[in-house]
C-alpha atoms as a PDB file:
ATOM      1  CA  MET A   1       0.000   0.000   0.000  1.00  0.00           C
ATOM      2  CA  SER A   2       1.294   3.472  -0.783  1.00  0.00           C
ATOM      3  CA  GLY A   3       0.061   6.992  -0.157  1.00  0.00           C
ATOM      4  CA  PRO A   4      -0.795   9.073   2.876  1.00  0.00           C
ATOM      5  CA  GLY A   5      -0.848   7.156   6.131  1.00  0.00           C
ATOM      6  CA  SER A   6       1.129   4.210   4.749  1.00  0.00           C
ATOM      7  CA  ASP A   7       4.468   2.804   5.860  1.00  0.00           C
ATOM      8  CA  PRO A   8       7.263   5.088   7.076  1.00  0.00           C
ATOM      9  CA  ALA A   9       9.566   6.449   4.409  1.00  0.00           C
ATOM     10  CA  SER A  10      13.240   7.105   4.901  1.00  0.00           C
ATOM     11  CA  SER A  11      15.809   9.391   3.346  1.00  0.00           C
ATOM     12  CA  PRO A  12      19.587   9.596   3.725  1.00  0.00           C
ATOM     13  CA  SER A  13      19.327  12.445   6.231  1.00  0.00           C
ATOM     14  CA  ALA A  14      16.121  11.767   8.166  1.00  0.00           C
ATOM     15  CA  ARG A  15      13.510   9.204   9.032  1.00  0.00           C
ATOM     16  CA  LEU A  16      10.083  10.318   7.866  1.00  0.00           C
ATOM     17  CA  VAL A  17       6.838   8.908   9.178  1.00  0.00           C
ATOM     18  CA  ALA A  18       3.523   9.409   7.390  1.00  0.00           C
ATOM     19  CA  ARG A  19       0.659  10.718   9.504  1.00  0.00           C
ATOM     20  CA  MET A  20      -3.068  10.688   8.811  1.00  0.00           C
ATOM     21  CA  LEU A  21      -4.504  14.032   7.686  1.00  0.00           C
ATOM     22  CA  ASP A  22      -7.147  14.442  10.364  1.00  0.00           C
ATOM     23  CA  GLY A  23      -8.826  17.791  10.984  1.00  0.00           C
ATOM     24  CA  ASP A  24      -6.976  18.514  14.233  1.00  0.00           C
ATOM     25  CA  ARG A  25      -3.585  17.867  12.629  1.00  0.00           C
ATOM     26  CA  LEU A  26      -4.385  20.116   9.635  1.00  0.00           C
ATOM     27  CA  ALA A  27      -5.814  22.951  11.738  1.00  0.00           C
ATOM     28  CA  GLY A  28      -2.969  22.739  14.258  1.00  0.00           C
ATOM     29  CA  ALA A  29      -0.168  22.886  11.694  1.00  0.00           C
ATOM     30  CA  ASP A  30       1.734  26.110  11.103  1.00  0.00           C
ATOM     31  CA  CYS A  31       2.046  25.196   7.433  1.00  0.00           C
ATOM     32  CA  VAL A  32       1.091  22.223   5.268  1.00  0.00           C
ATOM     33  CA  VAL A  33       3.450  21.476   2.368  1.00  0.00           C
ATOM     34  CA  ILE A  34       2.199  19.422  -0.572  1.00  0.00           C
ATOM     35  CA  ALA A  35       5.357  17.779  -1.895  1.00  0.00           C
ATOM     36  CA  THR A  36       3.575  15.115  -3.924  1.00  0.00           C
ATOM     37  CA  ASP A  37      -0.042  14.813  -4.981  1.00  0.00           C
ATOM     38  CA  HIS A  38      -2.245  11.807  -4.260  1.00  0.00           C
ATOM     39  CA  ARG A  39      -5.694  11.217  -5.712  1.00  0.00           C
ATOM     40  CA  CYS A  40      -6.977  10.007  -2.345  1.00  0.00           C
ATOM     41  CA  VAL A  41      -6.339  13.352  -0.570  1.00  0.00           C
ATOM     42  CA  ASP A  42      -9.211  15.823  -0.295  1.00  0.00           C
ATOM     43  CA  TYR A  43      -7.271  19.001  -1.119  1.00  0.00           C
ATOM     44  CA  LYS A  44     -10.348  21.177  -0.688  1.00  0.00           C
ATOM     45  CA  ARG A  45     -10.503  20.004   2.929  1.00  0.00           C
ATOM     46  CA  VAL A  46      -6.770  20.626   3.360  1.00  0.00           C
ATOM     47  CA  VAL A  47      -7.171  24.221   2.106  1.00  0.00           C
ATOM     48  CA  GLU A  48     -10.225  24.788   4.318  1.00  0.00           C
ATOM     49  CA  LEU A  49      -8.558  23.549   7.514  1.00  0.00           C
ATOM     50  CA  ALA A  50      -4.870  24.439   7.226  1.00  0.00           C
ATOM     51  CA  PRO A  51      -3.840  28.000   8.064  1.00  0.00           C
ATOM     52  CA  LEU A  52      -1.232  28.012   5.260  1.00  0.00           C
ATOM     53  CA  VAL A  53      -0.656  25.602   2.361  1.00  0.00           C
ATOM     54  CA  VAL A  54       2.464  25.518   0.182  1.00  0.00           C
ATOM     55  CA  ASP A  55       1.580  23.582  -2.976  1.00  0.00           C
ATOM     56  CA  THR A  56       4.611  22.447  -4.976  1.00  0.00           C
ATOM     57  CA  ARG A  57       2.576  20.146  -7.257  1.00  0.00           C
ATOM     58  CA  ASN A  58      -0.437  22.299  -8.239  1.00  0.00           C
ATOM     59  CA  ALA A  59      -2.562  19.752  -6.378  1.00  0.00           C
ATOM     60  CA  THR A  60      -4.959  22.497  -5.258  1.00  0.00           C
ATOM     61  CA  ARG A  61      -5.846  23.566  -8.797  1.00  0.00           C
ATOM     62  CA  GLY A  62      -9.568  24.030  -9.000  1.00  0.00           C
ATOM     63  CA  VAL A  63      -9.793  24.606  -5.242  1.00  0.00           C
ATOM     64  CA  ALA A  64     -10.630  28.220  -4.430  1.00  0.00           C
ATOM     65  CA  PRO A  65      -7.891  29.521  -2.117  1.00  0.00           C
ATOM     66  CA  ARG A  66      -9.160  30.815   1.193  1.00  0.00           C
ATOM     67  CA  ARG A  67      -7.956  34.384   1.801  1.00  0.00           C
ATOM     68  CA  ASN A  68      -4.627  33.897   0.052  1.00  0.00           C
ATOM     69  CA  THR A  69      -3.621  30.972   2.255  1.00  0.00           C
ATOM     70  CA  VAL A  70      -2.351  28.866  -0.667  1.00  0.00           C
ATOM     71  CA  VAL A  71       1.126  29.530  -2.029  1.00  0.00           C
ATOM     72  CA  LYS A  72       1.914  27.746  -5.282  1.00  0.00           C
ATOM     73  CA  LEU A  73       5.555  27.099  -6.138  1.00  0.00           C
END
């Protein structure tokens, strides 16, 4: 199984662990970074709940940004 909430991923410099995107986690984050896009993620919900979203994959296309809280790179 792959995608959000699946097995931990690792990199040469750090051990990364996937976490579920529940409402409390999204709302409590300082910033949510979309580094890869997954079809199973509700990006509208992410934009609605997160105070700031940095979208490096244009995953939020078609989702109306809330008060300029989406930064697209």
